[in-house]
Structure formats: C-alpha cells, structure tokens
Protein backbone atom coordinates (compact mmCIF):
# COMPACT_ATOMS: atom_id res chain seq x y z
CA MET A 1 -13.46 -23.86 5.13
CA GLU A 2 -14.06 -21.41 2.00
CA LYS A 3 -17.75 -21.35 0.88
CA PRO A 4 -18.19 -20.84 -3.10
CA VAL A 5 -21.12 -18.66 -2.58
CA TYR A 6 -18.85 -15.46 -1.70
CA TYR A 7 -19.02 -15.20 -5.58
CA ALA A 8 -22.57 -16.07 -6.25
CA ALA A 9 -24.11 -14.09 -8.62
CA THR A 10 -26.07 -10.86 -7.75
CA GLU A 11 -28.83 -8.68 -9.49
CA GLY A 12 -26.98 -6.14 -11.64
CA GLY A 13 -23.79 -6.94 -10.05
CA ASP A 14 -20.62 -7.57 -11.84
CA TYR A 15 -20.00 -10.48 -13.65
CA ALA A 16 -16.08 -10.17 -14.79
CA PHE A 17 -13.15 -9.19 -13.22
CA ALA A 18 -10.33 -7.96 -14.61
CA VAL A 19 -6.42 -8.55 -13.87
CA SER A 20 -4.00 -6.21 -14.37
CA ALA A 21 -0.83 -8.16 -13.62
CA ALA A 22 2.84 -6.18 -13.62
CA ALA A 23 5.75 -7.53 -14.65
CA MET A 24 8.20 -8.36 -12.04
CA LYS A 25 11.07 -9.95 -11.29
CA PHE A 26 12.33 -11.33 -7.67
CA GLY A 27 15.63 -12.86 -6.03
CA ALA A 28 18.32 -12.04 -3.91
CA GLY A 29 21.19 -9.66 -6.52
CA VAL A 30 18.35 -8.85 -9.31
CA LEU A 31 19.12 -5.08 -8.66
CA ALA A 32 22.13 -5.61 -10.44
CA GLU A 33 20.17 -6.41 -13.70
CA LEU A 34 18.49 -3.09 -14.02
CA GLY A 35 20.82 -1.80 -16.49
CA ASP A 36 20.48 -4.71 -19.00
CA ASP A 37 15.89 -4.40 -18.08
CA ALA A 38 16.40 -0.42 -18.86
CA ARG A 39 17.94 -1.27 -21.74
CA ALA A 40 15.75 -3.85 -22.76
CA GLN A 41 13.00 -1.30 -22.36
CA GLY A 42 14.50 0.64 -25.26
CA LEU A 43 15.78 3.65 -22.58
CA LYS A 44 17.98 6.08 -22.96
CA ARG A 45 18.18 8.43 -20.61
CA VAL A 46 15.96 8.21 -17.11
CA ALA A 47 15.11 10.09 -14.53
CA LEU A 48 16.55 7.98 -11.32
CA PHE A 49 14.34 8.47 -8.56
CA ILE A 50 16.22 7.82 -5.19
CA ASP A 51 15.02 7.77 -1.47
CA PRO A 52 17.38 10.52 -0.22
CA GLU A 53 18.01 7.84 3.03
CA VAL A 54 19.22 5.26 0.26
CA ALA A 55 21.56 7.65 -2.12
CA ASP A 56 24.49 6.82 -0.18
CA THR A 57 23.45 2.43 0.16
CA ALA A 58 24.84 -0.42 -1.01
CA PRO A 59 21.29 -0.57 -2.98
CA ALA A 60 22.08 2.71 -4.94
CA GLU A 61 25.36 1.88 -6.07
CA VAL A 62 24.22 -1.27 -7.71
CA ALA A 63 21.93 0.48 -9.29
CA THR A 64 23.84 3.29 -10.69
CA ALA A 65 26.54 0.87 -11.55
CA SER A 66 24.12 -1.02 -13.72
CA LEU A 67 22.51 1.33 -15.64
CA LYS A 68 25.87 2.66 -16.59
CA ARG A 69 27.15 -0.09 -17.56
CA ALA A 70 24.60 -0.63 -20.13
CA GLY A 71 24.90 3.04 -21.56
CA ILE A 72 21.94 4.66 -19.81
CA ASP A 73 22.28 8.36 -19.14
CA ALA A 74 20.48 8.40 -15.65
CA VAL A 75 20.05 11.97 -14.16
CA VAL A 76 19.49 11.59 -10.34
CA TYR A 77 16.21 12.96 -8.45
CA ASP A 78 15.86 12.51 -4.15
CA GLU A 79 14.21 15.67 -3.66
CA ILE A 80 11.91 12.74 -2.34
CA ALA A 81 8.94 13.44 0.61
CA VAL A 82 8.20 11.41 3.04
CA GLU A 83 4.60 10.84 2.95
CA PRO A 84 4.69 12.75 -0.17
CA THR A 85 2.41 15.66 -1.23
CA ASP A 86 0.42 17.68 -4.08
CA THR A 87 3.44 20.48 -3.67
CA SER A 88 6.27 17.46 -3.80
CA PHE A 89 4.79 15.22 -6.52
CA LEU A 90 4.53 18.83 -8.80
CA ALA A 91 7.96 19.64 -8.06
CA ALA A 92 8.81 15.77 -9.31
CA ALA A 93 6.66 16.68 -12.35
CA ASP A 94 8.56 19.84 -13.38
CA PHE A 95 12.14 17.93 -13.27
CA ALA A 96 10.49 14.77 -15.10
CA ARG A 97 9.15 17.12 -17.95
CA ASP A 98 12.40 19.19 -17.97
CA GLY A 99 14.76 16.83 -18.11
CA LYS A 100 13.06 15.18 -21.39
CA PHE A 101 13.66 11.54 -20.34
CA ASP A 102 12.48 8.54 -22.11
CA GLY A 103 11.28 6.39 -19.33
CA PHE A 104 11.79 6.34 -15.50
CA VAL A 105 13.78 4.12 -12.60
CA SER A 106 12.39 4.44 -8.47
CA LEU A 107 14.39 3.09 -6.32
CA GLY A 108 13.20 3.44 -2.67
CA GLY A 109 9.85 2.88 -0.58
CA GLY A 110 6.50 3.34 -1.15
CA SER A 111 7.03 7.46 -1.47
CA THR A 112 9.63 7.12 -4.14
CA MET A 113 8.16 4.96 -6.34
CA ASP A 114 4.51 6.91 -5.98
CA THR A 115 6.51 10.11 -6.91
CA ALA A 116 8.09 8.75 -9.90
CA LYS A 117 4.37 7.60 -10.71
CA ALA A 118 2.94 11.07 -10.45
CA ALA A 119 5.98 12.71 -12.08
CA ASN A 120 5.79 10.38 -15.13
CA LEU A 121 1.55 10.99 -15.29
CA TYR A 122 2.06 14.92 -15.27
CA ALA A 123 4.95 14.63 -17.68
CA THR A 124 3.53 12.81 -19.82
CA HIS A 125 -0.14 14.26 -19.64
CA PRO A 126 0.04 17.51 -18.26
CA ALA A 127 -2.93 19.01 -16.43
CA ASP A 128 -3.73 20.63 -13.66
CA PHE A 129 -3.01 18.95 -10.27
CA LEU A 130 -6.70 17.75 -9.07
CA ALA A 131 -7.47 16.71 -13.04
CA TYR A 132 -6.34 13.22 -11.74
CA VAL A 133 -6.84 13.23 -8.33
CA ASN A 134 -9.46 10.27 -7.00
CA LEU A 135 -12.84 11.90 -5.83
CA PRO A 136 -14.18 13.35 -3.73
CA TYR A 137 -11.08 16.12 -3.66
CA GLY A 138 -10.41 15.70 -7.18
CA GLU A 139 -11.80 15.05 -10.79
CA PHE A 140 -10.89 11.46 -11.25
CA ARG A 141 -10.27 12.23 -14.88
CA ALA A 142 -9.20 9.35 -17.08
CA VAL A 143 -5.69 9.39 -17.86
CA PRO A 144 -5.51 9.96 -22.03
CA GLY A 145 -2.89 7.27 -22.88
CA PRO A 146 -0.31 5.36 -21.95
CA LEU A 147 2.91 6.80 -19.39
CA LYS A 148 6.95 6.49 -20.08
CA PRO A 149 8.02 3.08 -19.03
CA HIS A 150 8.99 3.03 -15.77
CA ILE A 151 10.81 0.10 -13.50
CA ALA A 152 10.31 0.20 -9.98
CA CYS A 153 12.88 -0.89 -7.43
CA PRO A 154 11.26 -1.31 -3.86
CA THR A 155 14.03 -0.92 -1.01
CA THR A 156 11.55 -1.62 1.54
CA SER A 157 9.15 -4.79 1.97
CA GLY A 158 5.62 -3.53 2.44
CA THR A 159 3.95 -1.27 0.68
CA GLY A 160 3.80 -3.16 -2.67
CA SER A 161 3.71 0.24 -4.92
CA GLU A 162 5.77 -1.48 -7.49
CA THR A 163 3.10 -3.39 -8.31
CA THR A 164 0.30 -1.20 -7.72
CA SER A 165 -1.68 1.51 -10.24
CA THR A 166 -2.14 3.95 -7.23
CA ALA A 167 0.36 7.23 -5.99
CA VAL A 168 -0.86 8.31 -2.65
CA MET A 169 -0.33 11.96 -1.58
CA ASP A 170 -1.33 14.35 1.58
CA ILE A 171 -3.07 18.00 -0.23
CA THR A 172 -1.58 20.41 2.29
CA ALA A 173 -4.06 23.47 1.77
CA LEU A 174 -7.27 20.14 2.61
CA LYS A 175 -4.99 18.45 5.00
CA VAL A 176 -6.20 15.10 3.94
CA LYS A 177 -4.66 12.36 2.30
CA THR A 178 -5.75 11.28 -1.05
CA ALA A 179 -4.66 9.25 -3.81
CA ILE A 180 -4.32 9.07 -7.62
CA SER A 181 -5.78 5.49 -8.94
CA ASN A 182 -5.32 4.62 -12.51
CA ARG A 183 -4.15 1.60 -14.45
CA MET A 184 -1.79 3.68 -16.66
CA LEU A 185 0.71 4.19 -13.66
CA LYS A 186 1.54 0.68 -13.32
CA PRO A 187 5.33 0.08 -13.52
CA THR A 188 6.16 -1.36 -16.65
CA LEU A 189 8.28 -3.90 -14.08
CA ALA A 190 8.76 -4.67 -10.41
CA LEU A 191 12.67 -5.53 -10.15
CA VAL A 192 12.80 -6.55 -6.23
CA ASP A 193 15.73 -7.66 -4.56
CA PRO A 194 15.14 -8.64 -1.03
CA THR A 195 19.02 -8.30 -0.10
CA THR A 196 17.69 -3.91 -0.06
CA THR A 197 16.25 -4.82 3.34
CA ARG A 198 19.14 -6.35 5.06
CA THR A 199 19.93 -2.41 6.30
CA LEU A 200 16.65 -1.04 7.32
CA PRO A 201 16.21 -0.33 10.98
CA ALA A 202 13.55 -2.41 12.72
CA GLY A 203 11.20 0.34 13.37
CA VAL A 204 11.16 0.79 9.22
CA VAL A 205 10.36 -3.09 8.85
CA ALA A 206 7.57 -3.16 11.45
CA SER A 207 5.51 -0.17 10.10
CA THR A 208 6.27 -1.87 6.34
CA GLY A 209 5.38 -5.42 7.19
CA PHE A 210 2.30 -4.25 8.93
CA ASP A 211 1.45 -2.49 5.76
CA VAL A 212 1.54 -5.94 3.86
CA LEU A 213 -0.81 -7.38 6.43
CA THR A 214 -2.99 -5.14 5.96
CA HIS A 215 -3.07 -5.09 2.90
CA ALA A 216 -3.60 -8.39 2.11
CA ILE A 217 -6.09 -8.69 5.10
CA GLU A 218 -7.87 -6.00 3.13
CA SER A 219 -7.96 -6.84 0.06
CA TYR A 220 -9.33 -11.04 1.56
CA THR A 221 -12.08 -9.60 2.89
CA ALA A 222 -13.14 -7.19 0.38
CA ARG A 223 -16.73 -7.58 -1.08
CA PRO A 224 -16.90 -9.30 -3.30
CA TYR A 225 -16.58 -8.45 -7.38
CA THR A 226 -20.15 -9.90 -7.84
CA THR A 227 -21.50 -7.48 -5.56
CA ARG A 228 -20.48 -4.24 -7.26
CA SER A 229 -22.38 -2.77 -9.80
CA ARG A 230 -22.22 -3.57 -13.52
CA PRO A 231 -20.13 -1.16 -15.24
CA LYS A 232 -22.13 0.30 -18.31
CA SER A 233 -18.94 -0.62 -20.60
CA PRO A 234 -16.09 -2.51 -19.66
CA ASP A 235 -12.92 0.12 -19.63
CA GLN A 236 -15.57 1.62 -16.76
CA ARG A 237 -14.60 -0.85 -14.41
CA PRO A 238 -12.67 0.13 -11.65
CA VAL A 239 -9.00 -0.58 -10.31
CA PHE A 240 -10.02 -1.84 -7.17
CA GLN A 241 -12.54 -4.34 -8.38
CA GLY A 242 -13.63 -6.02 -4.49
CA ALA A 243 -12.42 -9.73 -3.60
CA ASN A 244 -11.79 -12.03 -6.60
CA PRO A 245 -10.66 -15.60 -7.09
CA TYR A 246 -7.07 -14.56 -8.23
CA SER A 247 -6.04 -11.94 -5.64
CA ASP A 248 -7.67 -14.75 -2.87
CA VAL A 249 -4.50 -16.51 -3.98
CA GLY A 250 -1.77 -13.56 -3.66
CA SER A 251 -3.48 -12.28 -0.36
CA LEU A 252 -4.09 -15.50 1.95
CA GLU A 253 -0.10 -16.38 1.14
CA ALA A 254 0.88 -12.88 1.98
CA ILE A 255 -0.69 -13.24 5.33
CA ARG A 256 0.56 -16.44 5.95
CA LEU A 257 3.76 -15.13 5.23
CA GLY A 258 3.56 -11.90 6.76
CA GLY A 259 2.58 -13.77 10.45
CA LYS A 260 5.54 -16.37 10.40
CA TYR A 261 8.24 -14.00 9.67
CA LEU A 262 7.18 -9.99 10.44
CA VAL A 263 8.25 -10.29 13.68
CA ARG A 264 11.53 -12.43 13.36
CA ALA A 265 12.15 -9.98 10.58
CA VAL A 266 11.68 -6.84 13.40
CA GLU A 267 13.73 -8.50 16.14
CA ASN A 268 16.84 -9.55 14.06
CA ALA A 269 18.14 -7.89 11.17
CA ASP A 270 20.29 -10.48 10.53
CA ASP A 271 18.09 -13.23 9.66
CA HIS A 272 17.68 -13.14 6.04
CA GLU A 273 15.51 -15.49 5.37
CA ALA A 274 13.04 -13.22 7.27
CA ARG A 275 13.37 -10.35 5.72
CA HIS A 276 13.73 -11.87 2.30
CA MET A 277 10.55 -13.80 2.76
CA LEU A 278 8.73 -10.31 3.98
CA MET A 279 9.93 -8.73 0.66
CA LEU A 280 7.96 -11.66 -1.19
CA ALA A 281 4.86 -11.10 1.16
CA ALA A 282 5.18 -7.45 0.13
CA THR A 283 5.02 -7.90 -3.40
CA MET A 284 2.60 -10.54 -3.50
CA ALA A 285 0.01 -8.57 -1.48
CA GLY A 286 0.82 -5.52 -3.79
CA LEU A 287 -0.30 -8.19 -6.75
CA SER A 288 -3.24 -8.84 -5.18
CA PHE A 289 -4.75 -5.81 -3.66
CA GLY A 290 -3.58 -4.03 -6.96
CA ASN A 291 -6.85 -5.41 -8.59
CA ALA A 292 -8.83 -6.33 -5.40
CA GLY A 293 -8.78 -3.30 -3.47
CA VAL A 294 -8.42 -2.38 -0.11
CA HIS A 295 -11.20 -0.95 2.76
CA LEU A 296 -11.40 0.32 6.17
CA PRO A 297 -8.16 0.22 7.68
CA HIS A 298 -6.85 2.08 4.82
CA ALA A 299 -9.64 4.71 5.07
CA MET A 300 -9.09 5.64 8.33
CA SER A 301 -5.84 6.15 8.36
CA TYR A 302 -6.05 9.01 5.81
CA GLY A 303 -7.68 10.04 9.04
CA VAL A 304 -4.79 9.88 11.29
CA ALA A 305 -2.49 10.77 9.04
CA GLY A 306 -3.89 13.77 7.90
CA LEU A 307 -4.31 15.29 11.19
CA CYS A 308 -0.69 14.02 11.98
CA HIS A 309 -0.41 14.18 16.15
CA THR A 310 3.17 14.09 17.35
CA TRP A 311 4.17 10.84 18.55
CA ARG A 312 6.70 8.54 20.27
CA ALA A 313 6.60 4.99 21.21
CA ALA A 314 9.95 2.51 21.09
CA GLY A 315 11.84 2.91 18.53
CA TYR A 316 9.86 5.69 16.29
CA GLU A 317 10.43 8.79 17.79
CA LYS A 318 9.80 11.67 15.44
CA ALA A 319 10.87 14.65 15.30
CA ALA A 320 8.17 16.07 12.79
CA PRO A 321 4.25 15.38 13.26
CA MET A 322 4.24 12.65 10.79
CA VAL A 323 3.08 9.06 11.43
CA PRO A 324 4.75 6.53 8.66
CA HIS A 325 1.30 5.30 6.69
CA GLY A 326 1.58 1.41 7.87
CA ILE A 327 1.42 2.61 11.32
CA ALA A 328 -1.50 4.63 10.52
CA VAL A 329 -3.28 2.15 8.81
CA VAL A 330 -2.16 -1.02 11.29
CA LEU A 331 -3.62 0.36 14.74
CA ASN A 332 -7.32 0.99 13.17
CA ALA A 333 -7.10 -2.45 11.90
CA PRO A 334 -7.98 -4.44 14.94
CA THR A 335 -10.83 -2.21 15.77
CA ALA A 336 -12.14 -2.41 11.92
CA PHE A 337 -11.99 -6.24 11.36
CA ARG A 338 -14.15 -6.37 14.43
CA PHE A 339 -16.89 -4.70 12.75
CA THR A 340 -16.53 -6.28 9.16
CA ALA A 341 -16.08 -9.62 10.35
CA ALA A 342 -19.85 -10.07 10.86
CA ALA A 343 -20.46 -9.63 7.41
CA ALA A 344 -17.59 -12.50 6.32
CA PRO A 345 -17.24 -14.27 9.17
CA GLU A 346 -15.29 -17.52 7.38
CA ARG A 347 -12.67 -14.99 5.56
CA HIS A 348 -11.88 -13.51 8.89
CA LEU A 349 -11.62 -17.02 10.37
CA ALA A 350 -9.27 -18.35 7.17
CA ALA A 351 -7.19 -14.75 7.70
CA ALA A 352 -6.96 -15.19 11.14
CA GLU A 353 -5.82 -18.91 10.47
CA ALA A 354 -3.49 -17.40 7.75
CA LEU A 355 -1.78 -15.17 10.06
CA GLY A 356 -1.10 -17.63 13.14
CA ALA A 357 -4.11 -17.28 15.56
CA ASP A 358 -5.08 -20.60 17.38
CA THR A 359 -8.75 -21.03 15.55
CA ARG A 360 -8.98 -24.93 16.16
CA ASN A 361 -12.31 -25.93 16.86
CA ALA A 362 -13.57 -22.03 16.49
CA ALA A 363 -17.00 -20.96 14.98
CA PRO A 364 -16.66 -18.90 11.89
CA GLU A 365 -18.05 -15.83 14.26
CA HIS A 366 -15.42 -15.76 15.92
CA GLY A 367 -13.24 -15.07 13.18
CA GLY A 368 -13.05 -11.13 13.91
CA GLU A 369 -12.07 -11.52 17.49
CA LEU A 370 -9.38 -14.10 16.61
CA LEU A 371 -7.94 -12.04 13.73
CA ALA A 372 -7.85 -8.35 15.85
CA GLY A 373 -6.32 -11.07 18.55
CA ARG A 374 -3.29 -11.69 16.32
CA LEU A 375 -2.84 -8.46 15.19
CA ILE A 376 -2.31 -6.92 18.87
CA GLU A 377 -0.52 -9.73 19.64
CA MET A 378 2.22 -8.83 16.96
CA MET A 379 1.78 -5.26 17.38
CA ARG A 380 3.02 -5.92 21.03
CA GLN A 381 5.61 -8.19 20.05
CA THR A 382 7.27 -5.51 17.49
CA GLY A 383 6.93 -2.65 20.04
CA LEU A 384 4.23 -0.87 18.21
CA PRO A 385 2.04 2.11 19.92
CA ASN A 386 -1.23 1.07 21.97
CA GLY A 387 -3.52 2.10 19.25
CA THR A 388 -3.92 5.88 18.50
CA GLY A 389 -4.41 6.83 22.45
CA ALA A 390 -0.73 6.62 22.60
CA LEU A 391 -0.26 9.16 19.31
CA GLY A 392 -1.84 12.12 21.43
CA PHE A 393 -5.44 11.40 19.62
CA THR A 394 -8.26 11.64 21.98
CA GLU A 395 -12.17 11.27 21.60
CA ALA A 396 -11.76 15.23 20.83
CA ASP A 397 -10.36 14.32 17.96
CA ILE A 398 -12.93 11.84 17.09
CA PRO A 399 -15.46 14.04 14.36
CA ASP A 400 -12.00 15.19 12.94
CA LEU A 401 -10.85 11.74 12.00
CA VAL A 402 -14.39 10.59 10.30
CA GLU A 403 -14.37 13.92 8.18
CA ARG A 404 -11.04 13.02 6.82
CA GLY A 405 -11.62 8.65 7.31
CA TYR A 406 -15.22 8.44 5.65
CA ASN A 407 -14.65 10.38 2.80
CA GLN A 408 -12.78 7.99 0.69
CA PRO A 409 -15.56 6.55 -1.25
CA ARG A 410 -13.19 4.50 -3.36
CA LEU A 411 -12.16 2.61 -0.27
CA VAL A 412 -15.20 2.54 2.13
CA VAL A 413 -17.05 1.29 -0.96
CA LEU A 414 -14.88 -2.08 -0.68
CA ALA A 415 -15.90 -2.91 2.79
CA PRO A 416 -17.82 -6.42 3.00
CA CYS A 417 -21.07 -4.68 5.09
CA ASN A 418 -22.58 -0.68 4.67
CA VAL A 419 -20.94 1.97 6.98
CA THR A 420 -22.14 4.59 8.48
CA LYS A 421 -20.31 7.62 9.44
CA ASP A 422 -21.48 6.73 12.95
CA ASP A 423 -19.76 2.88 12.60
CA VAL A 424 -16.77 5.07 11.38
CA ALA A 425 -16.77 7.29 14.59
CA ALA A 426 -17.33 3.95 17.08
CA MET A 427 -14.52 2.03 15.10
CA TYR A 428 -11.79 5.00 16.01
CA ARG A 429 -13.01 5.33 19.44
CA ASN A 430 -12.48 1.18 19.92
CA GLY A 431 -8.93 1.82 18.51
CA LEU A 432 -7.59 4.69 20.87
CA ARG A 433 -6.43 1.91 22.88
CA TYR A 434 -5.95 -1.47 23.04
CA TRP A 435 -4.31 -3.13 25.77
C-alpha cells in the first residue's frame, strides 16, 4: 500500500533526517528502579516534581522510597499547574534555581514533565521567559548548552512528553498556548511503568489516549522531510522535521495499539492489558512524533485551549473553564484529516486501516473519510463531546480560534499541503458538530 515516492528528493529539499531518540526503560515495576537510575546518573540531590494528584498515590510512594534507598536527597515540588502557564513555569524555575539541585525527576502527566523541563532550562541557563519560546510569540533563542539530567516517569498514557524535546504552556497575558522546543529539553531517561495508570479515571484515560492517536496520525501524515527546505547548516535542522522512515514505524504501531486498546482501557479499569498497551503506544508515539512533529489538529487545539470555554460532557465535568489537551486536539482531528487527505491519500488510508477502520476494497481517496469516521466512532464510544460546539463554541468564535490556531507556524508548516486562514476557518466550522 505504501508508496516509496513519498520520500522522493525535491529541489532544494532536505536530503537527511536526524534521529534524536530518548533513552527509555519500559515495564511493569520499573518505577522501583528509579533510585538506581538516578544514582547511575551521578545524582545526589534532585528536584522531584510530582503532580499533586499523584502525591498521595502508590506510584509516589514507590518513587520516593526508591530514591531514599539509593541515598538520593529528593526535594518535592508539587505546585504543578494543570495546563501550565508562563507564570507556573517561572515559579518552578525559581524553585529549581534556589535548590541547587544536580538533577531532576518528574512523576506525573505531561504538565508535570513539561514543568520540570522548563524549570531545568531556566535554572540552568537563565534568560527572559520569551527568550526560548517558539515564534511568533517568543524569540526562539538557541539553548546555549546541555541541561542537568532529568528522569521522566509518566503516570498517564498519552502525552509522550517523557521522550520529547517540547514543553507546552499558556502565555496568560496573550491568552495563547505555545511551546518551548529544543533538543536540549529531552529527558535523559524515560522510566515508563504501565502499572501507574491502573487507577486513572476513565476521563483521563480517554483524554490522554486520544492525544496518543493524534500524535501518531499527525506524525505519519506530516509532510515528508524531503520537502522541507534544506538547512544552511546541519545544526539548523529543526526538532520537528516532517514524516520520515524512522518515525513511520513507531507511528503506525502506536495507531494500531491505540485503535485496539483505547476504548477497552477507558471502559474497564481492570483491563490491565489494555492500559499497559496504551502506555506503550503513548511512548512509541512520543518517540515518533518527537522527530517528525505534529500538524493541524495540534495547531488548532491551541485555539480551543486558549479561549477555554466552560464545558461539560459525560464524565468530564470541570469546575473551571479548562479543556484537557487531548480533548482539545481530537475534537478537530476528524475535520483536519478530511482536509489533509487529498495531499497524502495512501497515508491516510494506511492510518485508517491501522486504527481499525474497514478499508477492504477502499480506494486511497477514501482514506481521509474512513480515518475521520473511525475517530468519530471511538469518540462516541468513549463519551467525548460532540465537536467543539459541545464545549460552547459557536460560529462567532471562529475568527478568534483561527487567530490562535493558525499562528503556530512550527505546526502548520508540517501539514502535508499548503494551508490558508480560510482553510483553518472551514475546519473549525466543520468541527463544531459531528453527529
């Protein structure tokens, strides 16, 4: 089904892709090895970033006991903001700078791991906050040197932050979501123990699980690395390079695992096989999109998260106007993949097949619709909102959504086709309701 010409050389395009893979250890029970791993990194005093929702759980007990057995002095920081902001990143950086730590450990979801990345960066290489932030909101300044060791221990099966070079946050004054993206932010070791997800609520599993799927599908359907402009020097090759043969392998397998196990993991907390395999899918997707990048669904999610309408849906009621990242991403994924399918029909058909859609006798041009249909089917099975309209968004919000979603050049440029503001507006409009 795959056509090798997807990576055909193009005039002025890049001729190489770089793999910046994270060290990773995966398995039930490996969290108990945290202390040994920290000691192997030469660490003696670490900043232990813990999600406050995780602080009184078994994984936190295992992690702290392991560090103590290894003789590691661990100072806990649990003032983690769900969906971090520039303010919360800077507060964490102050803690890290004052503590004189020789390394970092993060235990929690993407917000916790991203906060530890940012704290490590600004404590090690102090600068104005916007210095390292991506364009167009920041200066996108190069990180001047290595950071301190960081062992990332995820407790959710979704963000893949344990293997990526990105830290995402809101800039509160601008009401926009953006990121810091640099290879130096990649954790030194991802310590992935799938038993940490066994007690997660169904809503959290669904939100983070759909983040897995969109990561993987976006990286697989991104523009080929050969179509990106050749860098002036090798060190200017971006973190997000476009689809490439290395990332393809992990992306397709992550899509397959997510299609098989996500709904099961949401519906039954005692289905340990499903929750473990979804955790594996999350890490595989992180390893893949960490080199290839993501495109329109993630770019458009920044508009949804930035406007933050109060919302309620089955199992996801929130007291504050905050949309979980995975939900903000997947609600626009079906409309985005319908749009991008014409540029890479075979890729979208292959993704639909991996996700579990019935693609027998289907022509490549049907790939986008089959992929969108399968995602919508899974959204309904897991009780997700029916498009962004279910969050309170209306036609009147589209100009503001476009302003925030389109102004994410590092993501929009990775779509497999050219994208205009009118295209993004049409996608937001089509994503207001699906059924």
